[in-house]
Amino acid sequence: MEVVLTESAAQDLEALPVPIHARVLRILERLAHWPDVSGARALSGKLAGRWRMRTGDYRVQFRVEGQRIIVERIGHRDRFYDR
């Protein structure tokens, strides 16, 4: 699978603290092996069709389109679902 970040997700990634940035990069590497990825959770409601993975208090939101994983958002859980 190809893992692609949206422009806003790339900005989110660059704004993370260094230790969290490294943990999120490991999640992105794991997503390349979709669907053999543990810890992914399907979202519901207005976010139906999207998935999330977590590392500590941070979340990575993505959707699957064919052979591509589109990462839409990366952020702290306190503000993650507000947008």
PDB file of N, CA and C in Angstrom:
ATOM      1  N   MET A   1       0.835  -1.191   0.000  1.00  0.00           N
ATOM      2  CA  MET A   1       0.000   0.000   0.000  1.00  0.00           C
ATOM      3  C   MET A   1       0.873   1.246   0.000  1.00  0.00           C
ATOM      4  N   GLU A   2       0.380   2.260  -0.651  1.00  0.00           N
ATOM      5  CA  GLU A   2       1.055   3.557  -0.656  1.00  0.00           C
ATOM      6  C   GLU A   2       0.396   4.432   0.409  1.00  0.00           C
ATOM      7  N   VAL A   3       1.191   5.058   1.257  1.00  0.00           N
ATOM      8  CA  VAL A   3       0.683   5.953   2.297  1.00  0.00           C
ATOM      9  C   VAL A   3       0.952   7.381   1.845  1.00  0.00           C
ATOM     10  N   VAL A   4      -0.132   8.177   1.739  1.00  0.00           N
ATOM     11  CA  VAL A   4      -0.048   9.549   1.260  1.00  0.00           C
ATOM     12  C   VAL A   4      -0.613  10.475   2.331  1.00  0.00           C
ATOM     13  N   LEU A   5       0.085  11.571   2.603  1.00  0.00           N
ATOM     14  CA  LEU A   5      -0.404  12.562   3.554  1.00  0.00           C
ATOM     15  C   LEU A   5      -1.020  13.734   2.802  1.00  0.00           C
ATOM     16  N   THR A   6      -2.174  14.204   3.281  1.00  0.00           N
ATOM     17  CA  THR A   6      -2.718  15.438   2.730  1.00  0.00           C
ATOM     18  C   THR A   6      -1.800  16.574   3.161  1.00  0.00           C
ATOM     19  N   GLU A   7      -1.959  17.723   2.540  1.00  0.00           N
ATOM     20  CA  GLU A   7      -1.126  18.872   2.893  1.00  0.00           C
ATOM     21  C   GLU A   7      -1.299  19.243   4.364  1.00  0.00           C
ATOM     22  N   SER A   8      -2.545  19.211   4.864  1.00  0.00           N
ATOM     23  CA  SER A   8      -2.770  19.574   6.266  1.00  0.00           C
ATOM     24  C   SER A   8      -2.183  18.519   7.207  1.00  0.00           C
ATOM     25  N   ALA A   9      -2.243  17.239   6.826  1.00  0.00           N
ATOM     26  CA  ALA A   9      -1.650  16.189   7.665  1.00  0.00           C
ATOM     27  C   ALA A   9      -0.133  16.334   7.710  1.00  0.00           C
ATOM     28  N   ALA A  10       0.478  16.709   6.582  1.00  0.00           N
ATOM     29  CA  ALA A  10       1.929  16.924   6.559  1.00  0.00           C
ATOM     30  C   ALA A  10       2.306  18.075   7.484  1.00  0.00           C
ATOM     31  N   GLN A  11       1.497  19.128   7.493  1.00  0.00           N
ATOM     32  CA  GLN A  11       1.740  20.256   8.403  1.00  0.00           C
ATOM     33  C   GLN A  11       1.559  19.819   9.854  1.00  0.00           C
ATOM     34  N   ASP A  12       0.520  19.024  10.118  1.00  0.00           N
ATOM     35  CA  ASP A  12       0.301  18.496  11.466  1.00  0.00           C
ATOM     36  C   ASP A  12       1.518  17.701  11.926  1.00  0.00           C
ATOM     37  N   LEU A  13       2.049  16.858  11.049  1.00  0.00           N
ATOM     38  CA  LEU A  13       3.195  16.011  11.378  1.00  0.00           C
ATOM     39  C   LEU A  13       4.418  16.852  11.737  1.00  0.00           C
ATOM     40  N   GLU A  14       4.676  17.877  10.952  1.00  0.00           N
ATOM     41  CA  GLU A  14       5.856  18.718  11.195  1.00  0.00           C
ATOM     42  C   GLU A  14       5.737  19.518  12.485  1.00  0.00           C
ATOM     43  N   ALA A  15       4.518  19.778  12.941  1.00  0.00           N
ATOM     44  CA  ALA A  15       4.309  20.569  14.154  1.00  0.00           C
ATOM     45  C   ALA A  15       4.392  19.741  15.433  1.00  0.00           C
ATOM     46  N   LEU A  16       4.500  18.421  15.310  1.00  0.00           N
ATOM     47  CA  LEU A  16       4.529  17.558  16.494  1.00  0.00           C
ATOM     48  C   LEU A  16       5.848  17.669  17.247  1.00  0.00           C
ATOM     49  N   PRO A  17       5.815  17.442  18.559  1.00  0.00           N
ATOM     50  CA  PRO A  17       7.067  17.347  19.324  1.00  0.00           C
ATOM     51  C   PRO A  17       7.904  16.180  18.786  1.00  0.00           C
ATOM     52  N   VAL A  18       9.208  16.288  18.857  1.00  0.00           N
ATOM     53  CA  VAL A  18      10.118  15.306  18.256  1.00  0.00           C
ATOM     54  C   VAL A  18       9.809  13.856  18.658  1.00  0.00           C
ATOM     55  N   PRO A  19       9.619  13.542  19.950  1.00  0.00           N
ATOM     56  CA  PRO A  19       9.345  12.131  20.291  1.00  0.00           C
ATOM     57  C   PRO A  19       8.039  11.613  19.678  1.00  0.00           C
ATOM     58  N   ILE A  20       7.022  12.464  19.618  1.00  0.00           N
ATOM     59  CA  ILE A  20       5.731  12.066  19.046  1.00  0.00           C
ATOM     60  C   ILE A  20       5.877  11.913  17.532  1.00  0.00           C
ATOM     61  N   HIS A  21       6.625  12.812  16.907  1.00  0.00           N
ATOM     62  CA  HIS A  21       6.875  12.755  15.462  1.00  0.00           C
ATOM     63  C   HIS A  21       7.433  11.378  15.096  1.00  0.00           C
ATOM     64  N   ALA A  22       8.395  10.897  15.850  1.00  0.00           N
ATOM     65  CA  ALA A  22       9.011   9.592  15.584  1.00  0.00           C
ATOM     66  C   ALA A  22       7.986   8.464  15.738  1.00  0.00           C
ATOM     67  N   ARG A  23       7.136   8.548  16.755  1.00  0.00           N
ATOM     68  CA  ARG A  23       6.120   7.505  16.963  1.00  0.00           C
ATOM     69  C   ARG A  23       5.099   7.496  15.832  1.00  0.00           C
ATOM     70  N   VAL A  24       4.719   8.683  15.359  1.00  0.00           N
ATOM     71  CA  VAL A  24       3.756   8.768  14.262  1.00  0.00           C
ATOM     72  C   VAL A  24       4.378   8.220  12.972  1.00  0.00           C
ATOM     73  N   LEU A  25       5.658   8.479  12.743  1.00  0.00           N
ATOM     74  CA  LEU A  25       6.321   7.923  11.560  1.00  0.00           C
ATOM     75  C   LEU A  25       6.269   6.392  11.574  1.00  0.00           C
ATOM     76  N   ARG A  26       6.413   5.795  12.752  1.00  0.00           N
ATOM     77  CA  ARG A  26       6.307   4.335  12.853  1.00  0.00           C
ATOM     78  C   ARG A  26       4.892   3.863  12.511  1.00  0.00           C
ATOM     79  N   ILE A  27       3.879   4.619  12.910  1.00  0.00           N
ATOM     80  CA  ILE A  27       2.497   4.275  12.549  1.00  0.00           C
ATOM     81  C   ILE A  27       2.334   4.343  11.030  1.00  0.00           C
ATOM     82  N   LEU A  28       2.879   5.379  10.404  1.00  0.00           N
ATOM     83  CA  LEU A  28       2.755   5.517   8.959  1.00  0.00           C
ATOM     84  C   LEU A  28       3.432   4.346   8.243  1.00  0.00           C
ATOM     85  N   GLU A  29       4.554   3.892   8.771  1.00  0.00           N
ATOM     86  CA  GLU A  29       5.223   2.721   8.194  1.00  0.00           C
ATOM     87  C   GLU A  29       4.350   1.475   8.329  1.00  0.00           C
ATOM     88  N   ARG A  30       3.697   1.333   9.471  1.00  0.00           N
ATOM     89  CA  ARG A  30       2.808   0.182   9.690  1.00  0.00           C
ATOM     90  C   ARG A  30       1.614   0.217   8.739  1.00  0.00           C
ATOM     91  N   LEU A  31       1.098   1.409   8.447  1.00  0.00           N
ATOM     92  CA  LEU A  31      -0.074   1.530   7.577  1.00  0.00           C
ATOM     93  C   LEU A  31       0.206   1.009   6.167  1.00  0.00           C
ATOM     94  N   ALA A  32       1.452   0.992   5.760  1.00  0.00           N
ATOM     95  CA  ALA A  32       1.799   0.479   4.427  1.00  0.00           C
ATOM     96  C   ALA A  32       1.462  -1.000   4.303  1.00  0.00           C
ATOM     97  N   HIS A  33       1.247  -1.684   5.419  1.00  0.00           N
ATOM     98  CA  HIS A  33       0.925  -3.112   5.408  1.00  0.00           C
ATOM     99  C   HIS A  33      -0.572  -3.369   5.580  1.00  0.00           C
ATOM    100  N   TRP A  34      -1.395  -2.352   5.328  1.00  0.00           N
ATOM    101  CA  TRP A  34      -2.843  -2.469   5.437  1.00  0.00           C
ATOM    102  C   TRP A  34      -3.318  -3.623   4.579  1.00  0.00           C
ATOM    103  N   PRO A  35      -4.249  -4.463   4.987  1.00  0.00           N
ATOM    104  CA  PRO A  35      -5.079  -4.402   6.196  1.00  0.00           C
ATOM    105  C   PRO A  35      -4.500  -5.181   7.376  1.00  0.00           C
ATOM    106  N   ASP A  36      -3.274  -5.650   7.273  1.00  0.00           N
ATOM    107  CA  ASP A  36      -2.654  -6.415   8.365  1.00  0.00           C
ATOM    108  C   ASP A  36      -2.056  -5.484   9.409  1.00  0.00           C
ATOM    109  N   VAL A  37      -2.864  -4.563   9.914  1.00  0.00           N
ATOM    110  CA  VAL A  37      -2.415  -3.569  10.887  1.00  0.00           C
ATOM    111  C   VAL A  37      -3.267  -3.711  12.141  1.00  0.00           C
ATOM    112  N   SER A  38      -2.618  -3.878  13.271  1.00  0.00           N
ATOM    113  CA  SER A  38      -3.377  -3.964  14.515  1.00  0.00           C
ATOM    114  C   SER A  38      -3.561  -2.573  15.105  1.00  0.00           C
ATOM    115  N   GLY A  39      -4.645  -2.385  15.808  1.00  0.00           N
ATOM    116  CA  GLY A  39      -4.884  -1.132  16.510  1.00  0.00           C
ATOM    117  C   GLY A  39      -5.688  -0.109  15.741  1.00  0.00           C
ATOM    118  N   ALA A  40      -6.039  -0.363  14.497  1.00  0.00           N
ATOM    119  CA  ALA A  40      -6.843   0.591  13.724  1.00  0.00           C
ATOM    120  C   ALA A  40      -8.300   0.452  14.142  1.00  0.00           C
ATOM    121  N   ARG A  41      -8.976   1.569  14.304  1.00  0.00           N
ATOM    122  CA  ARG A  41     -10.380   1.570  14.695  1.00  0.00           C
ATOM    123  C   ARG A  41     -11.189   2.349  13.660  1.00  0.00           C
ATOM    124  N   ALA A  42     -12.321   1.776  13.269  1.00  0.00           N
ATOM    125  CA  ALA A  42     -13.228   2.459  12.348  1.00  0.00           C
ATOM    126  C   ALA A  42     -13.930   3.583  13.088  1.00  0.00           C
ATOM    127  N   LEU A  43     -14.071   4.727  12.444  1.00  0.00           N
ATOM    128  CA  LEU A  43     -14.791   5.853  13.031  1.00  0.00           C
ATOM    129  C   LEU A  43     -16.249   5.790  12.577  1.00  0.00           C
ATOM    130  N   SER A  44     -17.117   6.472  13.305  1.00  0.00           N
ATOM    131  CA  SER A  44     -18.545   6.425  12.989  1.00  0.00           C
ATOM    132  C   SER A  44     -19.105   7.832  12.884  1.00  0.00           C
ATOM    133  N   GLY A  45     -20.397   7.918  12.643  1.00  0.00           N
ATOM    134  CA  GLY A  45     -21.060   9.212  12.530  1.00  0.00           C
ATOM    135  C   GLY A  45     -20.602   9.949  11.291  1.00  0.00           C
ATOM    136  N   LYS A  46     -20.329  11.237  11.432  1.00  0.00           N
ATOM    137  CA  LYS A  46     -19.915  12.030  10.272  1.00  0.00           C
ATOM    138  C   LYS A  46     -18.530  11.630   9.767  1.00  0.00           C
ATOM    139  N   LEU A  47     -17.802  10.833  10.541  1.00  0.00           N
ATOM    140  CA  LEU A  47     -16.479  10.361  10.117  1.00  0.00           C
ATOM    141  C   LEU A  47     -16.515   8.913   9.623  1.00  0.00           C
ATOM    142  N   ALA A  48     -17.703   8.386   9.368  1.00  0.00           N
ATOM    143  CA  ALA A  48     -17.828   7.012   8.873  1.00  0.00           C
ATOM    144  C   ALA A  48     -17.026   6.862   7.584  1.00  0.00           C
ATOM    145  N   GLY A  49     -16.386   5.717   7.435  1.00  0.00           N
ATOM    146  CA  GLY A  49     -15.541   5.473   6.271  1.00  0.00           C
ATOM    147  C   GLY A  49     -14.088   5.828   6.513  1.00  0.00           C
ATOM    148  N   ARG A  50     -13.822   6.407   7.674  1.00  0.00           N
ATOM    149  CA  ARG A  50     -12.463   6.768   8.048  1.00  0.00           C
ATOM    150  C   ARG A  50     -12.018   5.899   9.224  1.00  0.00           C
ATOM    151  N   TRP A  51     -10.732   5.837   9.415  1.00  0.00           N
ATOM    152  CA  TRP A  51     -10.133   5.035  10.475  1.00  0.00           C
ATOM    153  C   TRP A  51      -9.220   5.916  11.296  1.00  0.00           C
ATOM    154  N   ARG A  52      -8.862   5.413  12.490  1.00  0.00           N
ATOM    155  CA  ARG A  52      -7.882   6.116  13.302  1.00  0.00           C
ATOM    156  C   ARG A  52      -6.967   5.120  13.979  1.00  0.00           C
ATOM    157  N   MET A  53      -5.743   5.569  14.178  1.00  0.00           N
ATOM    158  CA  MET A  53      -4.797   4.824  14.999  1.00  0.00           C
ATOM    159  C   MET A  53      -4.288   5.790  16.042  1.00  0.00           C
ATOM    160  N   ARG A  54      -3.901   5.247  17.184  1.00  0.00           N
ATOM    161  CA  ARG A  54      -3.441   6.120  18.256  1.00  0.00           C
ATOM    162  C   ARG A  54      -2.056   5.709  18.709  1.00  0.00           C
ATOM    163  N   THR A  55      -1.349   6.698  19.217  1.00  0.00           N
ATOM    164  CA  THR A  55      -0.086   6.476  19.899  1.00  0.00           C
ATOM    165  C   THR A  55      -0.099   7.418  21.092  1.00  0.00           C
ATOM    166  N   GLY A  56      -0.285   6.869  22.264  1.00  0.00           N
ATOM    167  CA  GLY A  56      -0.425   7.709  23.461  1.00  0.00           C
ATOM    168  C   GLY A  56      -1.647   8.596  23.328  1.00  0.00           C
ATOM    169  N   ASP A  57      -1.462   9.903  23.494  1.00  0.00           N
ATOM    170  CA  ASP A  57      -2.567  10.860  23.402  1.00  0.00           C
ATOM    171  C   ASP A  57      -2.744  11.423  21.993  1.00  0.00           C
ATOM    172  N   TYR A  58      -2.037  10.909  21.026  1.00  0.00           N
ATOM    173  CA  TYR A  58      -2.092  11.419  19.651  1.00  0.00           C
ATOM    174  C   TYR A  58      -2.819  10.440  18.743  1.00  0.00           C
ATOM    175  N   ARG A  59      -3.473  10.991  17.719  1.00  0.00           N
ATOM    176  CA  ARG A  59      -4.274  10.203  16.790  1.00  0.00           C
ATOM    177  C   ARG A  59      -3.843  10.487  15.354  1.00  0.00           C
ATOM    178  N   VAL A  60      -3.984   9.451  14.515  1.00  0.00           N
ATOM    179  CA  VAL A  60      -3.759   9.562  13.073  1.00  0.00           C
ATOM    180  C   VAL A  60      -5.061   9.115  12.412  1.00  0.00           C
ATOM    181  N   GLN A  61      -5.695  10.023  11.663  1.00  0.00           N
ATOM    182  CA  GLN A  61      -6.952   9.714  10.974  1.00  0.00           C
ATOM    183  C   GLN A  61      -6.653   9.489   9.498  1.00  0.00           C
ATOM    184  N   PHE A  62      -7.237   8.427   8.941  1.00  0.00           N
ATOM    185  CA  PHE A  62      -6.979   8.124   7.533  1.00  0.00           C
ATOM    186  C   PHE A  62      -8.182   7.448   6.900  1.00  0.00           C
ATOM    187  N   ARG A  63      -8.146   7.372   5.581  1.00  0.00           N
ATOM    188  CA  ARG A  63      -9.151   6.633   4.823  1.00  0.00           C
ATOM    189  C   ARG A  63      -8.414   5.753   3.815  1.00  0.00           C
ATOM    190  N   VAL A  64      -9.084   4.718   3.368  1.00  0.00           N
ATOM    191  CA  VAL A  64      -8.495   3.777   2.408  1.00  0.00           C
ATOM    192  C   VAL A  64      -9.187   3.989   1.069  1.00  0.00           C
ATOM    193  N   GLU A  65      -8.390   4.239   0.031  1.00  0.00           N
ATOM    194  CA  GLU A  65      -8.917   4.390  -1.328  1.00  0.00           C
ATOM    195  C   GLU A  65      -8.130   3.465  -2.240  1.00  0.00           C
ATOM    196  N   GLY A  66      -8.688   2.326  -2.556  1.00  0.00           N
ATOM    197  CA  GLY A  66      -8.003   1.361  -3.415  1.00  0.00           C
ATOM    198  C   GLY A  66      -6.711   0.893  -2.770  1.00  0.00           C
ATOM    199  N   GLN A  67      -5.600   1.146  -3.423  1.00  0.00           N
ATOM    200  CA  GLN A  67      -4.290   0.742  -2.923  1.00  0.00           C
ATOM    201  C   GLN A  67      -3.565   1.885  -2.218  1.00  0.00           C
ATOM    202  N   ARG A  68      -4.315   2.907  -1.796  1.00  0.00           N
ATOM    203  CA  ARG A  68      -3.709   4.063  -1.128  1.00  0.00           C
ATOM    204  C   ARG A  68      -4.336   4.281   0.239  1.00  0.00           C
ATOM    205  N   ILE A  69      -3.496   4.652   1.184  1.00  0.00           N
ATOM    206  CA  ILE A  69      -3.939   5.103   2.507  1.00  0.00           C
ATOM    207  C   ILE A  69      -3.757   6.620   2.488  1.00  0.00           C
ATOM    208  N   ILE A  70      -4.842   7.360   2.656  1.00  0.00           N
ATOM    209  CA  ILE A  70      -4.793   8.821   2.657  1.00  0.00           C
ATOM    210  C   ILE A  70      -4.873   9.284   4.108  1.00  0.00           C
ATOM    211  N   VAL A  71      -3.775   9.802   4.635  1.00  0.00           N
ATOM    212  CA  VAL A  71      -3.741  10.320   6.006  1.00  0.00           C
ATOM    213  C   VAL A  71      -4.265  11.749   5.963  1.00  0.00           C
ATOM    214  N   GLU A  72      -5.353  11.992   6.693  1.00  0.00           N
ATOM    215  CA  GLU A  72      -6.024  13.292   6.652  1.00  0.00           C
ATOM    216  C   GLU A  72      -5.656  14.208   7.812  1.00  0.00           C
ATOM    217  N   ARG A  73      -5.435  13.631   8.981  1.00  0.00           N
ATOM    218  CA  ARG A  73      -5.192  14.448  10.175  1.00  0.00           C
ATOM    219  C   ARG A  73      -4.267  13.722  11.119  1.00  0.00           C
ATOM    220  N   ILE A  74      -3.484  14.505  11.842  1.00  0.00           N
ATOM    221  CA  ILE A  74      -2.632  13.988  12.902  1.00  0.00           C
ATOM    222  C   ILE A  74      -2.702  15.014  14.023  1.00  0.00           C
ATOM    223  N   GLY A  75      -2.999  14.558  15.247  1.00  0.00           N
ATOM    224  CA  GLY A  75      -3.069  15.538  16.327  1.00  0.00           C
ATOM    225  C   GLY A  75      -3.353  14.945  17.687  1.00  0.00           C
ATOM    226  N   HIS A  76      -3.348  15.828  18.681  1.00  0.00           N
ATOM    227  CA  HIS A  76      -3.615  15.459  20.063  1.00  0.00           C
ATOM    228  C   HIS A  76      -5.099  15.147  20.222  1.00  0.00           C
ATOM    229  N   ARG A  77      -5.419  14.185  21.034  1.00  0.00           N
ATOM    230  CA  ARG A  77      -6.815  13.740  21.179  1.00  0.00           C
ATOM    231  C   ARG A  77      -7.733  14.829  21.702  1.00  0.00           C
ATOM    232  N   ASP A  78      -7.227  15.781  22.497  1.00  0.00           N
ATOM    233  CA  ASP A  78      -8.089  16.834  23.056  1.00  0.00           C
ATOM    234  C   ASP A  78      -8.760  17.674  21.973  1.00  0.00           C
ATOM    235  N   ARG A  79      -8.069  17.914  20.887  1.00  0.00           N
ATOM    236  CA  ARG A  79      -8.599  18.767  19.831  1.00  0.00           C
ATOM    237  C   ARG A  79      -8.847  17.993  18.533  1.00  0.00           C
ATOM    238  N   PHE A  80      -8.698  16.689  18.573  1.00  0.00           N
ATOM    239  CA  PHE A  80      -8.667  15.907  17.348  1.00  0.00           C
ATOM    240  C   PHE A  80     -10.008  15.843  16.631  1.00  0.00           C
ATOM    241  N   TYR A  81     -11.082  15.657  17.349  1.00  0.00           N
ATOM    242  CA  TYR A  81     -12.386  15.450  16.704  1.00  0.00           C
ATOM    243  C   TYR A  81     -13.190  16.730  16.604  1.00  0.00           C
ATOM    244  N   ASP A  82     -12.612  17.878  16.943  1.00  0.00           N
ATOM    245  CA  ASP A  82     -13.329  19.155  16.904  1.00  0.00           C
ATOM    246  C   ASP A  82     -13.554  19.681  15.501  1.00  0.00           C
ATOM    247  N   ARG A  83     -12.598  19.435  14.597  1.00  0.00           N
ATOM    248  CA  ARG A  83     -12.703  19.992  13.236  1.00  0.00           C
ATOM    249  C   ARG A  83     -13.808  19.371  12.460  1.00  0.00           C
TER     250      ARG A  83
END
